[in-house]
Amino acid sequence: MAVTGRLGLLALLAAPVVGFLLPSWAGIGLAAVVLLLVVVLDLVLAGSVRGLQFARSGATSVRLGEECEVTLTVANPGGRPVRAWLRDAWPPSAGADDRHRLTLPAGERRVVTTRLLPTRRGDRTAVRVTVRSTGPLGLAARQGSHDVPWTVRVLPPFHSRKHLPSRLARLQQLDGRNAVLIRGQGTEFDSLREYVIGDDVRSIDWRASARASDVMVRTWRPERDRHVVLVLDTGRVSAGRVGDAPRLDAAMDAALLLAVLAARAGDRVDLLAYDRQVHAAVQGSTDLLPALVNAMATLEPSLVETDARGMVAEVLRRTRRRALVVLLTGLDAAPLEEGLFPVLSKLTSRHQLMIASVADPRVAEMAAGRGDAEAVYDAAAAERVLAERRQVTARLARHGVEVVDAVPEDLPPRLADRYLALKAAGRL
C-alpha cells in the first residue's frame, strides 16, 4: 500500500514534466517519454549519499612490500536503503584495492575493508570516499564524495634483518661468552683462566699465577655503553639509483642492521639525516628500532649538494663524548674534495669516523666487458670510476677513516662486520 502510494505521488510529481516534454518529444513517441519517467522514478528512489556517515580504523603503519588493511564504517541514517558502488580512493603508490559493492539498509551500518600494498616509503593519505547510489532498476544514480582522512606510514622494509642472527652470535663471542685476549682502548677486564698454548704472554697475570698452582691469564671483553652516531647523507649523491631504488634506501637498510646490532651490544645509537638541514634525528631512544624506521620512513633524497661543513658542525654539537660516527654517503671524488675533506680533521680529531658507501654493481660489470669497441670504451670509463674510488678510499684511510664500499646487498653485513672488528679491537 505504501509502495503504491509512493509511486502514485511520484507519478503526480512527474506529470508536469511529462506534459512539458510531450510537445517537444511528439516526434519521438510516447515510449521515450515513458522511459524518461522510469529513469526519473529510479533516480528518486535511489538512496541519498549526502547524509552517509563514515569512520575509519585499521593499520596506521606497514613495512614496504607488506599488505595492510584499513576499514571504513559506513552508516545510513536516512529513510531509504542505499545500493551503491563505493570507491575508497588512495594515491597510486598505496596499491589500494579500492572499489567495493555496498548494500546499506536504512538506519544500519556496514564495514568496508580496503587492502593496501604500498610500493613506496612515506606517508600515504586517503584522498576521498566516493559513493554512487543506484536506483532499484539501475538506470540512474546519485553520486557524492566525502573526505574521510586517514594516513598509513610506509616504513623501510629492513631486508638486512636476515643477517642479524649470525652477527649476534659473533657479538656473543665478543661479549664475554668467549672472552677475547686482546686489550685495547675499548676493552675491560673480564676474568682469569689457566694459560693454554697460543695465549698472548702479555696477558699473563703473574700475581694470580703466584697464588695459584698454574699460570693464569687475564681475559678481556669489549666495553659496553659506547656511542654510535649514524649520519645519513640525504643530498644529491643519495638520489642516484642503483637497480630499482635510490642509494638512500640501501644506506637506510645498512644503518638499521648496524643500529640493532649496536643496541644489542649495549651501545647507545643516535641517527641524524642531513643535507643542508636536519631532516630526521633520533637521540637516546629506549625503543630504538620503531623510532628509527619511523624517522626514516618519510626521508627522500634532495637534489642539492650536501653542506659538509654544516653536517660536521651538527654532529659535533650533538655528540660531546667520543663516538663512532658512521657516515653513509658517496665516494665520488669531486663532492668529497669540495665538501668533506676540508673539515675532515675536525671530525676525526674527536671521533672515530667510518664511511659507508653504496657501490653500483653495474660499474663492475662494465669494467669486465670486452665484447666490442663500445664495450671496451665502457670498460675504460668504469675502470676510471673504480680507480677514483680506490684513491679516495686510500686518502681517507691515511686520515684514520674506516671505509666500507659495497653493493647494496653486501653493504649491511660488511658494515656490521667492520663494527664488530672495531669493537673487538677496542677502537670504539
Protein backbone atom coordinates (compact mmCIF):
# COMPACT_ATOMS: atom_id res chain seq x y z
CA MET A 1 0.00 0.00 0.00
CA ALA A 2 2.88 2.35 0.94
CA VAL A 3 4.73 1.49 -2.27
CA THR A 4 1.62 2.11 -4.40
CA GLY A 5 1.06 5.45 -2.70
CA ARG A 6 4.70 6.46 -3.23
CA LEU A 7 4.55 5.57 -6.93
CA GLY A 8 1.29 7.48 -7.30
CA LEU A 9 2.88 10.51 -5.66
CA LEU A 10 5.89 10.25 -7.93
CA ALA A 11 3.65 9.98 -10.97
CA LEU A 12 1.76 13.07 -9.82
CA LEU A 13 5.03 14.97 -9.36
CA ALA A 14 6.35 13.81 -12.73
CA ALA A 15 3.15 14.71 -14.62
CA PRO A 16 4.18 18.38 -15.22
CA VAL A 17 7.50 17.16 -16.57
CA VAL A 18 5.76 14.75 -18.93
CA GLY A 19 3.33 17.45 -20.01
CA PHE A 20 6.20 19.80 -20.74
CA LEU A 21 8.13 17.22 -22.73
CA LEU A 22 5.21 15.76 -24.75
CA PRO A 23 5.08 18.57 -27.34
CA SER A 24 8.83 18.55 -27.96
CA TRP A 25 9.04 14.75 -27.97
CA ALA A 26 6.00 14.17 -30.11
CA GLY A 27 8.18 13.02 -32.94
CA ILE A 28 9.93 10.50 -30.76
CA GLY A 29 6.84 8.90 -29.35
CA LEU A 30 5.25 8.04 -26.10
CA ALA A 31 7.71 5.20 -25.41
CA ALA A 32 10.59 7.63 -24.95
CA VAL A 33 8.57 9.71 -22.53
CA VAL A 34 7.68 6.63 -20.53
CA LEU A 35 11.32 5.62 -20.44
CA LEU A 36 12.27 9.07 -19.17
CA LEU A 37 9.63 8.82 -16.50
CA VAL A 38 11.02 5.45 -15.39
CA VAL A 39 14.53 6.89 -15.19
CA VAL A 40 13.29 9.82 -13.11
CA LEU A 41 11.46 7.44 -10.79
CA ASP A 42 14.58 5.28 -10.46
CA LEU A 43 16.65 8.35 -9.57
CA VAL A 44 14.13 9.50 -6.98
CA LEU A 45 14.10 6.05 -5.35
CA ALA A 46 17.92 5.91 -5.17
CA GLY A 47 19.23 6.31 -1.63
CA SER A 48 20.78 9.63 -0.71
CA VAL A 49 24.58 9.75 -0.43
CA ARG A 50 24.89 13.17 1.23
CA GLY A 51 23.76 12.03 4.65
CA LEU A 52 26.01 8.97 4.87
CA GLN A 53 28.34 8.92 7.87
CA PHE A 54 31.89 7.49 7.80
CA ALA A 55 34.50 6.40 10.31
CA ARG A 56 37.90 4.76 9.77
CA SER A 57 40.05 2.31 11.70
CA GLY A 58 42.78 -0.20 10.95
CA ALA A 59 46.50 -0.06 10.18
CA THR A 60 48.46 3.14 10.67
CA SER A 61 51.83 1.75 9.54
CA VAL A 62 53.14 -1.08 7.39
CA ARG A 63 56.53 -2.18 6.08
CA LEU A 64 57.21 -1.60 2.41
CA GLY A 65 56.26 -4.72 0.46
CA GLU A 66 53.77 -5.97 3.05
CA GLU A 67 49.97 -5.76 2.92
CA CYS A 68 47.73 -3.99 5.43
CA GLU A 69 44.02 -3.29 5.83
CA VAL A 70 42.09 -0.08 6.53
CA THR A 71 38.41 -0.43 7.48
CA LEU A 72 35.70 2.07 6.64
CA THR A 73 32.44 2.02 8.64
CA VAL A 74 29.52 3.48 6.67
CA ALA A 75 26.26 4.41 8.44
CA ASN A 76 22.98 5.24 6.70
CA PRO A 77 20.80 7.47 8.90
CA GLY A 78 18.32 8.13 6.07
CA GLY A 79 14.98 6.52 5.39
CA ARG A 80 15.86 4.75 2.12
CA PRO A 81 18.25 1.86 1.54
CA VAL A 82 21.47 2.62 -0.34
CA ARG A 83 22.58 0.27 -3.10
CA ALA A 84 25.88 1.66 -4.24
CA TRP A 85 29.38 1.31 -5.58
CA LEU A 86 31.92 2.79 -3.19
CA ARG A 87 35.44 3.88 -4.09
CA ASP A 88 37.88 4.44 -1.25
CA ALA A 89 40.48 6.43 -3.22
CA TRP A 90 44.19 6.45 -2.28
CA PRO A 91 47.32 7.59 -4.15
CA PRO A 92 48.51 5.05 -6.78
CA SER A 93 51.63 4.22 -4.74
CA ALA A 94 49.39 2.97 -1.91
CA GLY A 95 48.38 -0.02 -4.06
CA ALA A 96 44.77 0.12 -2.83
CA ASP A 97 42.05 -2.38 -3.77
CA ASP A 98 39.56 0.47 -3.54
CA ARG A 99 36.27 -0.49 -5.27
CA HIS A 100 33.51 -2.09 -3.21
CA ARG A 101 29.88 -3.07 -3.69
CA LEU A 102 27.72 -1.78 -0.83
CA THR A 103 24.14 -2.57 0.21
CA LEU A 104 23.14 -0.49 3.21
CA PRO A 105 19.58 -0.69 4.63
CA ALA A 106 18.08 2.40 6.24
CA GLY A 107 19.29 3.01 9.78
CA GLU A 108 22.08 0.41 9.60
CA ARG A 109 25.83 0.41 9.08
CA ARG A 110 28.32 -1.72 7.18
CA VAL A 111 32.10 -2.20 7.33
CA VAL A 112 34.16 -1.99 4.14
CA THR A 113 37.79 -3.19 4.12
CA THR A 114 40.38 -1.71 1.77
CA ARG A 115 43.62 -3.65 1.31
CA LEU A 116 46.81 -1.68 0.68
CA LEU A 117 50.06 -2.95 -0.82
CA PRO A 118 52.30 0.15 -0.94
CA THR A 119 55.11 0.47 -3.47
CA ARG A 120 56.90 3.48 -1.90
CA ARG A 121 58.01 4.59 1.54
CA GLY A 122 56.44 7.56 3.29
CA ASP A 123 53.01 8.70 4.40
CA ARG A 124 50.13 7.54 2.23
CA THR A 125 46.98 9.60 2.85
CA ALA A 126 43.44 8.68 1.79
CA VAL A 127 42.09 11.02 -0.90
CA ARG A 128 38.30 10.77 -0.65
CA VAL A 129 35.41 8.34 -0.48
CA THR A 130 33.07 8.46 -3.48
CA VAL A 131 29.67 6.74 -3.35
CA ARG A 132 27.44 6.16 -6.38
CA SER A 133 23.95 5.13 -5.23
CA THR A 134 21.81 3.47 -7.89
CA GLY A 135 18.04 3.15 -8.04
CA PRO A 136 16.18 -0.18 -7.86
CA LEU A 137 16.34 -0.61 -11.65
CA GLY A 138 19.96 0.52 -12.01
CA LEU A 139 19.03 3.13 -14.63
CA ALA A 140 20.06 6.24 -12.68
CA ALA A 141 22.34 7.05 -9.78
CA ARG A 142 23.26 9.73 -7.27
CA GLN A 143 26.94 10.39 -6.62
CA GLY A 144 28.76 12.24 -3.89
CA SER A 145 32.24 12.44 -2.35
CA HIS A 146 33.28 12.68 1.29
CA ASP A 147 36.60 13.50 2.94
CA VAL A 148 37.42 10.75 5.45
CA PRO A 149 41.06 11.40 6.45
CA TRP A 150 43.45 8.56 7.28
CA THR A 151 47.21 8.13 6.92
CA VAL A 152 49.27 4.96 6.69
CA ARG A 153 53.02 5.34 7.17
CA VAL A 154 55.02 3.01 4.94
CA LEU A 155 58.21 2.02 6.80
CA PRO A 156 61.55 0.83 5.38
CA PRO A 157 61.44 -2.92 4.70
CA PHE A 158 64.64 -3.82 6.68
CA HIS A 159 65.68 -6.63 4.32
CA SER A 160 69.05 -6.95 6.08
CA ARG A 161 67.33 -8.34 9.18
CA LYS A 162 68.26 -11.80 7.85
CA HIS A 163 71.93 -11.07 8.67
CA LEU A 164 71.19 -10.24 12.31
CA PRO A 165 71.29 -13.75 13.90
CA SER A 166 74.80 -14.55 12.61
CA ARG A 167 76.13 -11.15 13.74
CA LEU A 168 74.53 -11.53 17.15
CA ALA A 169 76.26 -14.89 17.52
CA ARG A 170 79.58 -13.22 16.82
CA LEU A 171 78.71 -10.48 19.26
CA GLN A 172 78.08 -13.06 21.97
CA GLN A 173 81.58 -14.41 21.41
CA LEU A 174 82.96 -10.92 21.93
CA ASP A 175 80.74 -10.14 24.90
CA GLY A 176 82.31 -12.44 27.45
CA ARG A 177 80.87 -15.80 26.47
CA ASN A 178 84.13 -16.43 24.61
CA ALA A 179 86.25 -13.68 26.15
CA VAL A 180 88.99 -12.25 23.93
CA LEU A 181 92.63 -11.85 24.87
CA ILE A 182 93.05 -8.52 23.08
CA ARG A 183 93.31 -5.44 25.24
CA GLY A 184 92.60 -2.07 23.67
CA GLN A 185 91.05 1.30 24.33
CA GLY A 186 87.53 -0.14 24.35
CA THR A 187 88.06 -3.30 26.43
CA GLU A 188 87.68 -4.03 30.12
CA PHE A 189 88.89 -6.85 32.40
CA ASP A 190 86.59 -9.86 32.43
CA SER A 191 88.09 -12.82 34.30
CA LEU A 192 91.08 -15.10 34.89
CA ARG A 193 91.66 -18.56 33.45
CA GLU A 194 94.51 -21.05 33.08
CA TYR A 195 97.11 -20.45 30.39
CA VAL A 196 96.93 -22.60 27.26
CA ILE A 197 99.39 -22.80 24.39
CA GLY A 198 98.79 -19.98 21.96
CA ASP A 199 97.72 -17.37 24.53
CA ASP A 200 99.41 -13.97 24.43
CA VAL A 201 102.10 -13.99 27.13
CA ARG A 202 101.38 -10.29 27.74
CA SER A 203 98.04 -11.35 29.23
CA ILE A 204 99.67 -13.44 31.99
CA ASP A 205 98.71 -12.25 35.47
CA TRP A 206 101.85 -13.02 37.47
CA ARG A 207 100.34 -12.20 40.86
CA ALA A 208 97.40 -14.51 40.26
CA SER A 209 99.78 -17.18 38.95
CA ALA A 210 101.86 -16.92 42.12
CA ARG A 211 98.77 -17.61 44.22
CA ALA A 212 97.58 -20.45 42.01
CA SER A 213 99.13 -23.76 41.04
CA ASP A 214 99.17 -22.84 37.35
CA VAL A 215 99.91 -19.91 35.07
CA MET A 216 96.86 -17.62 34.88
CA VAL A 217 95.96 -15.19 32.11
CA ARG A 218 93.59 -12.26 32.07
CA THR A 219 90.72 -12.17 29.60
CA TRP A 220 89.15 -9.01 28.30
CA ARG A 221 85.81 -8.16 26.83
CA PRO A 222 84.59 -5.20 24.80
CA GLU A 223 83.24 -2.33 26.86
CA ARG A 224 79.57 -1.58 26.71
CA ASP A 225 77.83 1.78 26.63
CA ARG A 226 79.81 3.08 23.67
CA HIS A 227 78.24 5.76 21.44
CA VAL A 228 77.37 5.14 17.76
CA VAL A 229 76.10 8.02 15.59
CA LEU A 230 74.56 7.12 12.24
CA VAL A 231 74.60 10.01 9.74
CA LEU A 232 72.53 9.64 6.56
CA ASP A 233 73.56 11.95 3.73
CA THR A 234 70.25 12.82 2.02
CA GLY A 235 71.81 15.13 -0.56
CA ARG A 236 72.30 14.69 -4.29
CA VAL A 237 74.56 11.64 -4.09
CA SER A 238 71.84 9.69 -2.27
CA ALA A 239 69.40 10.20 -5.16
CA GLY A 240 71.36 8.11 -7.64
CA ARG A 241 69.55 4.90 -8.41
CA VAL A 242 71.22 1.52 -8.02
CA GLY A 243 68.92 -1.08 -9.51
CA ASP A 244 65.32 -0.16 -8.76
CA ALA A 245 65.92 2.00 -5.69
CA PRO A 246 67.88 5.14 -4.77
CA ARG A 247 71.12 4.81 -2.86
CA LEU A 248 69.40 6.27 0.19
CA ASP A 249 67.25 3.15 0.58
CA ALA A 250 70.29 0.85 0.61
CA ALA A 251 72.01 3.16 3.10
CA MET A 252 68.99 3.05 5.41
CA ASP A 253 68.93 -0.74 5.30
CA ALA A 254 72.59 -0.90 6.31
CA ALA A 255 72.02 1.68 9.06
CA LEU A 256 69.15 -0.34 10.53
CA LEU A 257 71.21 -3.53 10.78
CA LEU A 258 74.11 -1.72 12.42
CA ALA A 259 71.78 0.13 14.80
CA VAL A 260 70.08 -3.03 16.06
CA LEU A 261 73.41 -4.81 16.42
CA ALA A 262 74.99 -1.94 18.34
CA ALA A 263 71.95 -1.65 20.61
CA ARG A 264 72.18 -5.36 21.40
CA ALA A 265 75.84 -4.79 22.24
CA GLY A 266 74.80 -2.26 24.88
CA ASP A 267 75.87 0.80 22.91
CA ARG A 268 73.86 3.99 22.54
CA VAL A 269 72.73 4.66 18.96
CA ASP A 270 71.71 8.03 17.50
CA LEU A 271 70.55 8.93 14.00
CA LEU A 272 70.96 12.12 12.00
CA ALA A 273 69.69 12.70 8.43
CA TYR A 274 71.20 15.81 6.84
CA ASP A 275 71.89 17.58 3.55
CA ARG A 276 71.57 21.33 4.12
CA GLN A 277 69.36 20.96 7.17
CA VAL A 278 68.31 18.26 9.63
CA HIS A 279 65.53 16.12 8.15
CA ALA A 280 65.38 13.47 10.90
CA ALA A 281 67.01 12.90 14.26
CA VAL A 282 66.77 10.17 16.88
CA GLN A 283 68.69 10.53 20.13
CA GLY A 284 68.77 8.15 23.05
CA SER A 285 65.55 6.32 22.24
CA THR A 286 64.66 3.42 24.54
CA ASP A 287 62.57 1.80 21.79
CA LEU A 288 65.21 2.15 19.10
CA LEU A 289 64.01 0.20 16.06
CA PRO A 290 60.48 1.70 15.91
CA ALA A 291 61.95 5.17 16.40
CA LEU A 292 64.45 4.66 13.58
CA VAL A 293 62.04 3.25 10.99
CA ASN A 294 59.50 5.98 11.73
CA ALA A 295 62.16 8.66 11.31
CA MET A 296 63.44 7.10 8.07
CA ALA A 297 60.02 6.44 6.54
CA THR A 298 59.49 9.95 5.17
CA LEU A 299 63.08 10.64 4.09
CA GLU A 300 63.59 11.43 0.42
CA PRO A 301 66.79 12.43 -1.42
CA SER A 302 67.20 16.15 -2.07
CA LEU A 303 68.69 17.29 -5.37
CA VAL A 304 71.14 19.65 -3.66
CA GLU A 305 74.80 19.38 -2.78
CA THR A 306 75.27 18.40 0.85
CA ASP A 307 76.68 21.07 3.16
CA ALA A 308 79.50 19.03 4.68
CA ARG A 309 80.61 21.86 6.95
CA GLY A 310 77.11 22.17 8.39
CA MET A 311 76.83 18.40 8.76
CA VAL A 312 80.09 18.13 10.71
CA ALA A 313 79.11 21.07 12.91
CA GLU A 314 75.77 19.43 13.67
CA VAL A 315 77.44 16.14 14.60
CA LEU A 316 79.94 17.88 16.88
CA ARG A 317 77.17 19.90 18.51
CA ARG A 318 75.09 16.83 19.27
CA THR A 319 77.93 14.46 20.23
CA ARG A 320 80.10 15.62 23.11
CA ARG A 321 81.93 12.47 24.10
CA ARG A 322 83.98 10.26 21.78
CA ALA A 323 81.83 8.20 19.44
CA LEU A 324 81.87 6.05 16.36
CA VAL A 325 80.41 8.26 13.62
CA VAL A 326 79.13 6.23 10.66
CA LEU A 327 78.59 8.48 7.65
CA LEU A 328 76.57 6.86 4.87
CA THR A 329 77.42 8.86 1.77
CA GLY A 330 79.05 8.55 -1.64
CA LEU A 331 82.72 8.13 -2.54
CA ASP A 332 82.64 10.45 -5.54
CA ALA A 333 85.90 12.39 -5.60
CA ALA A 334 84.56 15.84 -6.52
CA PRO A 335 81.91 16.23 -3.76
CA LEU A 336 84.31 14.91 -1.11
CA GLU A 337 87.14 17.15 -2.30
CA GLU A 338 84.99 20.26 -2.07
CA GLY A 339 82.88 19.23 0.90
CA LEU A 340 84.15 16.70 3.44
CA PHE A 341 87.96 16.80 3.13
CA PRO A 342 88.38 20.44 4.22
CA VAL A 343 86.54 19.73 7.51
CA LEU A 344 87.57 16.10 7.97
CA SER A 345 90.17 16.79 10.67
CA LYS A 346 87.56 18.48 12.88
CA LEU A 347 85.59 15.26 12.97
CA THR A 348 88.42 12.72 13.18
CA SER A 349 90.16 14.61 15.98
CA ARG A 350 87.25 13.93 18.31
CA HIS A 351 85.58 10.81 16.94
CA GLN A 352 86.28 7.56 15.15
CA LEU A 353 84.87 8.01 11.64
CA MET A 354 83.59 5.28 9.36
CA ILE A 355 82.27 5.98 5.86
CA ALA A 356 79.88 3.52 4.22
CA SER A 357 79.13 3.91 0.52
CA VAL A 358 76.75 2.14 -1.86
CA ALA A 359 78.58 0.86 -4.94
CA ASP A 360 76.86 0.25 -8.27
CA PRO A 361 77.29 -3.37 -9.41
CA ARG A 362 76.73 -2.22 -12.98
CA VAL A 363 80.11 -0.43 -12.91
CA ALA A 364 81.94 -3.67 -12.12
CA GLU A 365 80.03 -5.44 -14.91
CA MET A 366 81.01 -2.72 -17.38
CA ALA A 367 84.65 -2.93 -16.29
CA ALA A 368 84.73 -6.61 -17.27
CA GLY A 369 83.23 -6.04 -20.73
CA ARG A 370 85.40 -6.70 -23.79
CA GLY A 371 82.87 -7.79 -26.43
CA ASP A 372 83.25 -4.95 -28.94
CA ALA A 373 84.66 -1.44 -29.28
CA GLU A 374 81.74 0.11 -27.40
CA ALA A 375 82.15 -2.36 -24.53
CA VAL A 376 85.87 -1.55 -24.35
CA TYR A 377 85.15 2.18 -24.07
CA ASP A 378 82.55 1.43 -21.35
CA ALA A 379 85.10 -0.73 -19.55
CA ALA A 380 87.66 2.08 -19.64
CA ALA A 381 85.16 4.54 -18.18
CA ALA A 382 84.18 2.05 -15.47
CA GLU A 383 87.83 1.39 -14.58
CA ARG A 384 88.38 5.10 -14.19
CA VAL A 385 85.45 5.33 -11.77
CA LEU A 386 86.75 2.36 -9.77
CA ALA A 387 90.26 3.83 -9.67
CA GLU A 388 88.93 7.14 -8.34
CA ARG A 389 87.02 5.31 -5.59
CA ARG A 390 90.17 3.41 -4.63
CA GLN A 391 92.15 6.65 -4.48
CA VAL A 392 89.51 8.30 -2.30
CA THR A 393 89.44 5.23 -0.02
CA ALA A 394 93.23 5.30 0.36
CA ARG A 395 93.21 9.01 1.14
CA LEU A 396 90.52 8.57 3.78
CA ALA A 397 92.46 5.68 5.31
CA ARG A 398 95.51 7.94 5.72
CA HIS A 399 93.30 10.16 7.89
CA GLY A 400 92.32 7.18 10.05
CA VAL A 401 88.89 6.78 8.46
CA GLU A 402 87.41 3.30 8.06
CA VAL A 403 85.77 2.84 4.65
CA VAL A 404 83.18 0.23 3.63
CA ASP A 405 82.38 0.29 -0.09
CA ALA A 406 79.98 -2.42 -1.25
CA VAL A 407 76.97 -3.13 -3.46
CA PRO A 408 73.53 -2.78 -1.82
CA GLU A 409 73.18 -6.48 -0.93
CA ASP A 410 76.63 -6.67 0.69
CA LEU A 411 76.79 -3.27 2.41
CA PRO A 412 74.73 -4.12 5.55
CA PRO A 413 76.66 -7.28 6.56
CA ARG A 414 80.04 -5.77 5.71
CA LEU A 415 79.27 -2.65 7.73
CA ALA A 416 78.18 -4.80 10.68
CA ASP A 417 81.36 -6.89 10.39
CA ARG A 418 83.54 -3.78 10.43
CA TYR A 419 81.74 -2.55 13.56
CA LEU A 420 82.36 -5.89 15.28
CA ALA A 421 86.03 -5.79 14.28
CA LEU A 422 86.43 -2.30 15.76
CA LYS A 423 84.67 -3.39 18.92
CA ALA A 424 86.85 -6.48 19.27
CA ALA A 425 89.99 -4.38 18.80
CA GLY A 426 88.83 -1.88 21.44
CA ARG A 427 88.77 1.04 19.00
CA LEU A 428 85.33 2.37 19.93
